[in-house]
Amino acid sequence: MPTIPVSNSPADVFAQRFSATRRGARLARLLAGHQLAVWGHQHGTCVHDTVTLVVAELSANAVLHGLVPGRDFGLALWREDDRGLIRIEVSDTHPARPVRLTPAPDEDHGRGLVLVGALAVRWGVRACVGPGKTVWAECLAAADA
């Protein structure tokens, strides 16, 4: 599971594990959207839509490319109000690190991390304790102000 900063209160953190299925990825996106609304970023706002899209892409990647049979994936979100960010972490147990591709214009896949790179302030990958990796991204939380 993710390493959550000590300075955040429990009300500023959302963490959940999901089945590594399309349904699990969809549920991760829906619950992330709900949590954003709880934090005051309503559906249709820039922050809500940006973070939800990043969660959707990273969760889909965990299900499609990070799948290890019998293993689930984790999602963590937290507000970092002091930095004006919402941090997203998606962890899976597959050891392969994601590769950002530059797909040809006629290809219908391979743009997920390009989108994440365009929407997030920054993103990266780090090793997990145990097998796997965590793909993280930070998005601006003040874009709606």
N, C-alpha and C. Protein backbone atom coordinates (compact mmCIF):
# COMPACT_ATOMS: atom_id res chain seq x y z
N MET A 1 0.85 -1.18 0.00
CA MET A 1 0.00 0.00 0.00
C MET A 1 0.89 1.23 0.00
N PRO A 2 0.34 2.39 -0.32
CA PRO A 2 1.14 3.59 -0.49
C PRO A 2 1.71 4.11 0.82
N THR A 3 2.71 4.95 0.68
CA THR A 3 3.29 5.63 1.81
C THR A 3 2.61 6.98 1.93
N ILE A 4 1.77 7.13 2.93
CA ILE A 4 0.98 8.34 3.09
C ILE A 4 1.74 9.29 4.01
N PRO A 5 1.87 10.56 3.61
CA PRO A 5 2.60 11.51 4.44
C PRO A 5 2.02 11.60 5.84
N VAL A 6 2.88 11.71 6.83
CA VAL A 6 2.47 11.76 8.22
C VAL A 6 1.66 13.01 8.52
N SER A 7 1.91 14.11 7.80
CA SER A 7 1.25 15.38 8.09
C SER A 7 -0.23 15.39 7.74
N ASN A 8 -0.70 14.46 6.96
CA ASN A 8 -2.11 14.47 6.55
C ASN A 8 -2.97 13.80 7.61
N SER A 9 -4.18 14.37 7.81
CA SER A 9 -5.13 13.75 8.72
C SER A 9 -5.88 12.65 7.97
N PRO A 10 -6.52 11.73 8.70
CA PRO A 10 -7.28 10.67 8.02
C PRO A 10 -8.36 11.21 7.08
N ALA A 11 -8.90 12.39 7.36
CA ALA A 11 -9.93 12.96 6.49
C ALA A 11 -9.37 13.40 5.15
N ASP A 12 -8.05 13.54 5.05
CA ASP A 12 -7.40 13.97 3.82
C ASP A 12 -6.90 12.81 2.98
N VAL A 13 -7.24 11.57 3.37
CA VAL A 13 -6.69 10.38 2.73
C VAL A 13 -7.81 9.43 2.33
N PHE A 14 -7.68 8.84 1.14
CA PHE A 14 -8.55 7.76 0.68
C PHE A 14 -7.63 6.64 0.21
N ALA A 15 -7.82 5.44 0.73
CA ALA A 15 -7.02 4.28 0.29
C ALA A 15 -7.93 3.07 0.24
N GLN A 16 -7.82 2.31 -0.86
CA GLN A 16 -8.68 1.15 -1.06
C GLN A 16 -7.99 0.17 -2.01
N ARG A 17 -8.28 -1.11 -1.85
CA ARG A 17 -7.80 -2.13 -2.77
C ARG A 17 -8.98 -2.57 -3.63
N PHE A 18 -8.67 -2.95 -4.88
CA PHE A 18 -9.70 -3.34 -5.84
C PHE A 18 -9.28 -4.61 -6.56
N SER A 19 -10.27 -5.36 -7.04
CA SER A 19 -9.95 -6.53 -7.85
C SER A 19 -9.33 -6.04 -9.16
N ALA A 20 -8.37 -6.79 -9.66
CA ALA A 20 -7.68 -6.40 -10.89
C ALA A 20 -8.50 -6.82 -12.11
N THR A 21 -9.66 -6.18 -12.21
CA THR A 21 -10.60 -6.43 -13.30
C THR A 21 -11.05 -5.09 -13.87
N ARG A 22 -11.73 -5.13 -15.01
CA ARG A 22 -12.29 -3.89 -15.55
C ARG A 22 -13.28 -3.28 -14.57
N ARG A 23 -14.05 -4.12 -13.91
CA ARG A 23 -15.00 -3.63 -12.91
C ARG A 23 -14.27 -2.96 -11.74
N GLY A 24 -13.14 -3.54 -11.33
CA GLY A 24 -12.35 -2.93 -10.26
C GLY A 24 -11.81 -1.57 -10.66
N ALA A 25 -11.33 -1.45 -11.90
CA ALA A 25 -10.82 -0.17 -12.40
C ALA A 25 -11.95 0.86 -12.45
N ARG A 26 -13.12 0.45 -12.89
CA ARG A 26 -14.27 1.36 -12.94
C ARG A 26 -14.67 1.80 -11.54
N LEU A 27 -14.70 0.88 -10.60
CA LEU A 27 -15.05 1.22 -9.23
C LEU A 27 -14.02 2.18 -8.62
N ALA A 28 -12.74 1.97 -8.93
CA ALA A 28 -11.70 2.88 -8.44
C ALA A 28 -11.96 4.30 -8.93
N ARG A 29 -12.29 4.43 -10.20
CA ARG A 29 -12.59 5.76 -10.78
C ARG A 29 -13.81 6.38 -10.11
N LEU A 30 -14.87 5.60 -9.94
CA LEU A 30 -16.10 6.13 -9.34
C LEU A 30 -15.89 6.55 -7.89
N LEU A 31 -15.18 5.73 -7.11
CA LEU A 31 -14.95 6.08 -5.70
C LEU A 31 -13.99 7.26 -5.57
N ALA A 32 -13.03 7.36 -6.49
CA ALA A 32 -12.14 8.54 -6.48
C ALA A 32 -12.97 9.79 -6.74
N GLY A 33 -13.88 9.73 -7.70
CA GLY A 33 -14.75 10.87 -7.98
C GLY A 33 -15.61 11.24 -6.78
N HIS A 34 -16.12 10.23 -6.09
CA HIS A 34 -16.91 10.49 -4.88
C HIS A 34 -16.05 11.16 -3.82
N GLN A 35 -14.83 10.67 -3.62
CA GLN A 35 -13.95 11.26 -2.61
C GLN A 35 -13.62 12.71 -2.95
N LEU A 36 -13.39 12.98 -4.22
CA LEU A 36 -13.12 14.35 -4.64
C LEU A 36 -14.30 15.26 -4.32
N ALA A 37 -15.52 14.77 -4.54
CA ALA A 37 -16.72 15.56 -4.21
C ALA A 37 -16.79 15.82 -2.71
N VAL A 38 -16.45 14.81 -1.91
CA VAL A 38 -16.42 14.99 -0.45
C VAL A 38 -15.43 16.09 -0.08
N TRP A 39 -14.31 16.14 -0.78
CA TRP A 39 -13.29 17.16 -0.53
C TRP A 39 -13.64 18.52 -1.13
N GLY A 40 -14.80 18.64 -1.80
CA GLY A 40 -15.24 19.92 -2.32
C GLY A 40 -14.98 20.16 -3.80
N HIS A 41 -14.50 19.14 -4.50
CA HIS A 41 -14.25 19.25 -5.94
C HIS A 41 -15.37 18.50 -6.66
N GLN A 42 -16.45 19.22 -6.95
CA GLN A 42 -17.66 18.61 -7.49
C GLN A 42 -17.46 18.13 -8.93
N HIS A 43 -18.29 17.17 -9.32
CA HIS A 43 -18.29 16.64 -10.68
C HIS A 43 -18.41 17.78 -11.68
N GLY A 44 -17.59 17.72 -12.72
CA GLY A 44 -17.61 18.76 -13.74
C GLY A 44 -16.61 19.87 -13.53
N THR A 45 -15.98 19.91 -12.36
CA THR A 45 -14.94 20.92 -12.13
C THR A 45 -13.62 20.42 -12.71
N CYS A 46 -12.71 21.32 -12.93
CA CYS A 46 -11.43 20.97 -13.53
C CYS A 46 -10.67 19.95 -12.67
N VAL A 47 -10.59 20.20 -11.37
CA VAL A 47 -9.86 19.29 -10.48
C VAL A 47 -10.50 17.91 -10.49
N HIS A 48 -11.80 17.84 -10.34
CA HIS A 48 -12.51 16.55 -10.32
C HIS A 48 -12.25 15.78 -11.61
N ASP A 49 -12.45 16.43 -12.73
CA ASP A 49 -12.32 15.72 -14.00
C ASP A 49 -10.88 15.32 -14.29
N THR A 50 -9.92 16.17 -13.93
CA THR A 50 -8.51 15.86 -14.16
C THR A 50 -8.07 14.67 -13.31
N VAL A 51 -8.34 14.73 -12.02
CA VAL A 51 -7.91 13.65 -11.11
C VAL A 51 -8.63 12.35 -11.47
N THR A 52 -9.91 12.42 -11.78
CA THR A 52 -10.67 11.22 -12.14
C THR A 52 -10.10 10.58 -13.40
N LEU A 53 -9.73 11.38 -14.38
CA LEU A 53 -9.14 10.83 -15.60
C LEU A 53 -7.78 10.18 -15.32
N VAL A 54 -6.97 10.80 -14.49
CA VAL A 54 -5.67 10.20 -14.14
C VAL A 54 -5.89 8.89 -13.39
N VAL A 55 -6.81 8.86 -12.45
CA VAL A 55 -7.12 7.61 -11.74
C VAL A 55 -7.59 6.54 -12.72
N ALA A 56 -8.45 6.91 -13.66
CA ALA A 56 -8.96 5.95 -14.64
C ALA A 56 -7.82 5.37 -15.47
N GLU A 57 -6.91 6.21 -15.94
CA GLU A 57 -5.80 5.73 -16.76
C GLU A 57 -4.86 4.83 -15.98
N LEU A 58 -4.48 5.25 -14.77
CA LEU A 58 -3.55 4.44 -13.98
C LEU A 58 -4.19 3.13 -13.51
N SER A 59 -5.48 3.17 -13.19
CA SER A 59 -6.18 1.94 -12.78
C SER A 59 -6.32 0.99 -13.96
N ALA A 60 -6.64 1.52 -15.14
CA ALA A 60 -6.74 0.67 -16.33
C ALA A 60 -5.39 0.04 -16.64
N ASN A 61 -4.31 0.80 -16.50
CA ASN A 61 -2.98 0.23 -16.72
C ASN A 61 -2.67 -0.88 -15.72
N ALA A 62 -3.06 -0.68 -14.46
CA ALA A 62 -2.81 -1.71 -13.45
C ALA A 62 -3.55 -3.00 -13.80
N VAL A 63 -4.75 -2.87 -14.33
CA VAL A 63 -5.57 -4.03 -14.69
C VAL A 63 -5.07 -4.68 -15.98
N LEU A 64 -4.71 -3.87 -16.97
CA LEU A 64 -4.31 -4.41 -18.27
C LEU A 64 -2.85 -4.88 -18.31
N HIS A 65 -1.97 -4.08 -17.74
CA HIS A 65 -0.53 -4.36 -17.87
C HIS A 65 0.12 -4.83 -16.56
N GLY A 66 -0.52 -4.55 -15.45
CA GLY A 66 0.06 -4.92 -14.16
C GLY A 66 -0.58 -6.13 -13.53
N LEU A 67 -1.39 -6.83 -14.30
CA LEU A 67 -2.15 -7.95 -13.76
C LEU A 67 -1.25 -9.14 -13.43
N VAL A 68 -1.38 -9.59 -12.20
CA VAL A 68 -0.81 -10.85 -11.75
C VAL A 68 -2.01 -11.66 -11.26
N PRO A 69 -2.29 -12.83 -11.88
CA PRO A 69 -3.48 -13.59 -11.49
C PRO A 69 -3.58 -13.79 -9.98
N GLY A 70 -4.76 -13.54 -9.46
CA GLY A 70 -5.01 -13.70 -8.04
C GLY A 70 -4.62 -12.51 -7.19
N ARG A 71 -4.09 -11.46 -7.79
CA ARG A 71 -3.66 -10.28 -7.03
C ARG A 71 -4.54 -9.08 -7.38
N ASP A 72 -4.70 -8.18 -6.44
CA ASP A 72 -5.49 -6.98 -6.67
C ASP A 72 -4.58 -5.78 -6.88
N PHE A 73 -5.15 -4.58 -6.96
CA PHE A 73 -4.35 -3.37 -7.05
C PHE A 73 -4.87 -2.37 -6.03
N GLY A 74 -4.03 -1.44 -5.65
CA GLY A 74 -4.40 -0.46 -4.65
C GLY A 74 -4.45 0.95 -5.23
N LEU A 75 -5.34 1.75 -4.70
CA LEU A 75 -5.45 3.16 -5.06
C LEU A 75 -5.38 3.96 -3.78
N ALA A 76 -4.60 5.02 -3.80
CA ALA A 76 -4.57 5.96 -2.68
C ALA A 76 -4.62 7.37 -3.25
N LEU A 77 -5.42 8.21 -2.60
CA LEU A 77 -5.50 9.63 -2.91
C LEU A 77 -5.30 10.38 -1.62
N TRP A 78 -4.62 11.49 -1.68
CA TRP A 78 -4.61 12.38 -0.53
C TRP A 78 -4.38 13.81 -0.96
N ARG A 79 -4.97 14.67 -0.12
CA ARG A 79 -4.82 16.10 -0.33
C ARG A 79 -3.54 16.56 0.35
N GLU A 80 -2.79 17.33 -0.38
CA GLU A 80 -1.62 17.98 0.20
C GLU A 80 -1.88 19.47 0.10
N ASP A 81 -2.70 19.97 1.03
CA ASP A 81 -3.13 21.36 0.97
C ASP A 81 -1.97 22.34 1.04
N ASP A 82 -0.94 21.99 1.79
CA ASP A 82 0.21 22.90 1.90
C ASP A 82 0.91 23.08 0.55
N ARG A 83 0.82 22.09 -0.32
CA ARG A 83 1.44 22.18 -1.65
C ARG A 83 0.41 22.43 -2.75
N GLY A 84 -0.89 22.44 -2.40
CA GLY A 84 -1.94 22.67 -3.38
C GLY A 84 -2.09 21.53 -4.37
N LEU A 85 -1.88 20.28 -3.90
CA LEU A 85 -1.89 19.13 -4.79
C LEU A 85 -2.82 18.04 -4.28
N ILE A 86 -3.25 17.21 -5.20
CA ILE A 86 -3.85 15.92 -4.87
C ILE A 86 -2.92 14.87 -5.44
N ARG A 87 -2.48 13.96 -4.60
CA ARG A 87 -1.55 12.91 -5.02
C ARG A 87 -2.34 11.63 -5.24
N ILE A 88 -2.03 10.95 -6.33
CA ILE A 88 -2.68 9.70 -6.72
C ILE A 88 -1.59 8.63 -6.77
N GLU A 89 -1.86 7.49 -6.17
CA GLU A 89 -0.94 6.35 -6.28
C GLU A 89 -1.74 5.11 -6.61
N VAL A 90 -1.28 4.39 -7.62
CA VAL A 90 -1.87 3.10 -7.98
C VAL A 90 -0.76 2.06 -7.92
N SER A 91 -0.97 1.04 -7.10
CA SER A 91 0.04 0.00 -6.88
C SER A 91 -0.46 -1.34 -7.39
N ASP A 92 0.42 -2.06 -8.08
CA ASP A 92 0.10 -3.43 -8.49
C ASP A 92 1.30 -4.31 -8.20
N THR A 93 1.14 -5.61 -8.39
CA THR A 93 2.21 -6.54 -8.01
C THR A 93 3.05 -7.02 -9.19
N HIS A 94 2.84 -6.47 -10.36
CA HIS A 94 3.64 -6.86 -11.52
C HIS A 94 4.95 -6.07 -11.51
N PRO A 95 6.09 -6.73 -11.77
CA PRO A 95 7.37 -6.02 -11.68
C PRO A 95 7.68 -5.09 -12.85
N ALA A 96 7.03 -5.26 -13.99
CA ALA A 96 7.36 -4.44 -15.17
C ALA A 96 6.96 -2.99 -14.94
N ARG A 97 7.86 -2.09 -15.28
CA ARG A 97 7.59 -0.66 -15.14
C ARG A 97 6.90 -0.14 -16.40
N PRO A 98 5.99 0.81 -16.26
CA PRO A 98 5.29 1.33 -17.44
C PRO A 98 6.23 2.11 -18.35
N VAL A 99 5.92 2.09 -19.62
CA VAL A 99 6.71 2.81 -20.62
C VAL A 99 5.80 3.80 -21.32
N ARG A 100 6.23 5.03 -21.35
CA ARG A 100 5.45 6.07 -22.05
C ARG A 100 5.77 5.97 -23.53
N LEU A 101 4.75 5.65 -24.32
CA LEU A 101 4.91 5.47 -25.76
C LEU A 101 4.51 6.73 -26.51
N THR A 102 4.97 6.82 -27.74
CA THR A 102 4.48 7.83 -28.66
C THR A 102 3.82 7.07 -29.80
N PRO A 103 2.51 6.84 -29.68
CA PRO A 103 1.83 6.01 -30.69
C PRO A 103 1.67 6.76 -32.01
N ALA A 104 1.56 5.98 -33.05
CA ALA A 104 1.27 6.55 -34.37
C ALA A 104 -0.15 7.12 -34.35
N PRO A 105 -0.42 8.12 -35.18
CA PRO A 105 -1.75 8.75 -35.18
C PRO A 105 -2.91 7.79 -35.42
N ASP A 106 -2.68 6.69 -36.15
CA ASP A 106 -3.77 5.77 -36.44
C ASP A 106 -3.90 4.63 -35.42
N GLU A 107 -3.05 4.59 -34.41
CA GLU A 107 -3.17 3.56 -33.37
C GLU A 107 -4.26 3.95 -32.39
N ASP A 108 -4.97 2.92 -31.87
CA ASP A 108 -6.07 3.20 -30.96
C ASP A 108 -5.72 2.91 -29.50
N HIS A 109 -4.45 2.80 -29.17
CA HIS A 109 -4.02 2.58 -27.80
C HIS A 109 -2.64 3.21 -27.60
N GLY A 110 -2.19 3.22 -26.34
CA GLY A 110 -0.84 3.71 -26.05
C GLY A 110 -0.76 5.17 -25.66
N ARG A 111 -1.90 5.80 -25.37
CA ARG A 111 -1.88 7.22 -25.03
C ARG A 111 -2.13 7.51 -23.55
N GLY A 112 -2.33 6.48 -22.74
CA GLY A 112 -2.67 6.68 -21.33
C GLY A 112 -1.64 7.48 -20.57
N LEU A 113 -0.38 7.11 -20.65
CA LEU A 113 0.64 7.84 -19.91
C LEU A 113 0.95 9.19 -20.55
N VAL A 114 0.67 9.34 -21.83
CA VAL A 114 0.79 10.66 -22.47
C VAL A 114 -0.24 11.59 -21.84
N LEU A 115 -1.47 11.09 -21.65
CA LEU A 115 -2.51 11.88 -20.98
C LEU A 115 -2.13 12.21 -19.54
N VAL A 116 -1.64 11.22 -18.82
CA VAL A 116 -1.23 11.45 -17.44
C VAL A 116 -0.15 12.52 -17.40
N GLY A 117 0.84 12.43 -18.29
CA GLY A 117 1.91 13.42 -18.34
C GLY A 117 1.40 14.82 -18.66
N ALA A 118 0.36 14.92 -19.48
CA ALA A 118 -0.20 16.22 -19.84
C ALA A 118 -1.05 16.81 -18.73
N LEU A 119 -1.72 15.97 -17.95
CA LEU A 119 -2.64 16.45 -16.93
C LEU A 119 -2.00 16.66 -15.57
N ALA A 120 -1.01 15.86 -15.24
CA ALA A 120 -0.38 15.92 -13.92
C ALA A 120 0.74 16.95 -13.90
N VAL A 121 0.97 17.50 -12.72
CA VAL A 121 2.11 18.39 -12.52
C VAL A 121 3.40 17.60 -12.70
N ARG A 122 3.39 16.40 -12.14
CA ARG A 122 4.50 15.46 -12.31
C ARG A 122 3.99 14.07 -12.00
N TRP A 123 4.71 13.07 -12.50
CA TRP A 123 4.35 11.68 -12.23
C TRP A 123 5.61 10.83 -12.29
N GLY A 124 5.51 9.62 -11.77
CA GLY A 124 6.66 8.73 -11.78
C GLY A 124 6.28 7.34 -11.30
N VAL A 125 7.31 6.53 -11.12
CA VAL A 125 7.15 5.14 -10.71
C VAL A 125 8.15 4.87 -9.60
N ARG A 126 7.73 4.12 -8.59
CA ARG A 126 8.66 3.70 -7.55
C ARG A 126 8.37 2.25 -7.18
N ALA A 127 9.36 1.61 -6.63
CA ALA A 127 9.20 0.22 -6.20
C ALA A 127 8.31 0.16 -4.96
N CYS A 128 7.63 -0.96 -4.80
CA CYS A 128 6.82 -1.21 -3.61
C CYS A 128 7.61 -2.07 -2.65
N VAL A 129 7.14 -2.12 -1.42
CA VAL A 129 7.65 -3.12 -0.49
C VAL A 129 7.03 -4.43 -0.95
N GLY A 130 7.85 -5.42 -1.22
CA GLY A 130 7.35 -6.66 -1.79
C GLY A 130 7.34 -6.55 -3.30
N PRO A 131 6.60 -7.42 -3.97
CA PRO A 131 6.61 -7.38 -5.43
C PRO A 131 5.81 -6.20 -5.98
N GLY A 132 6.22 -5.72 -7.14
CA GLY A 132 5.42 -4.73 -7.83
C GLY A 132 5.98 -3.33 -7.81
N LYS A 133 5.09 -2.40 -8.15
CA LYS A 133 5.48 -1.00 -8.24
C LYS A 133 4.27 -0.12 -7.95
N THR A 134 4.56 1.15 -7.74
CA THR A 134 3.53 2.16 -7.57
C THR A 134 3.75 3.23 -8.61
N VAL A 135 2.72 3.53 -9.38
CA VAL A 135 2.74 4.64 -10.33
C VAL A 135 1.99 5.78 -9.63
N TRP A 136 2.62 6.93 -9.54
CA TRP A 136 2.04 8.05 -8.83
C TRP A 136 1.96 9.27 -9.75
N ALA A 137 1.05 10.16 -9.40
CA ALA A 137 0.90 11.42 -10.12
C ALA A 137 0.40 12.46 -9.15
N GLU A 138 0.78 13.70 -9.40
CA GLU A 138 0.31 14.82 -8.59
C GLU A 138 -0.41 15.81 -9.50
N CYS A 139 -1.62 16.18 -9.10
CA CYS A 139 -2.44 17.12 -9.87
C CYS A 139 -2.74 18.34 -9.01
N LEU A 140 -2.87 19.48 -9.65
CA LEU A 140 -3.20 20.71 -8.94
C LEU A 140 -4.58 20.58 -8.30
N ALA A 141 -4.69 21.01 -7.04
CA ALA A 141 -5.96 20.95 -6.33
C ALA A 141 -6.65 22.30 -6.31
N ALA A 142 -5.99 23.34 -6.79
CA ALA A 142 -6.55 24.69 -6.71
C ALA A 142 -7.00 25.22 -8.06
N ALA A 143 -7.09 24.37 -9.07
CA ALA A 143 -7.43 24.82 -10.41
C ALA A 143 -8.85 25.37 -10.51
N ASP A 144 -9.73 25.01 -9.57
CA ASP A 144 -11.11 25.46 -9.62
C ASP A 144 -11.31 26.82 -8.94
N ALA A 145 -10.30 27.27 -8.21
CA ALA A 145 -10.44 28.53 -7.46
C ALA A 145 -10.47 29.73 -8.39
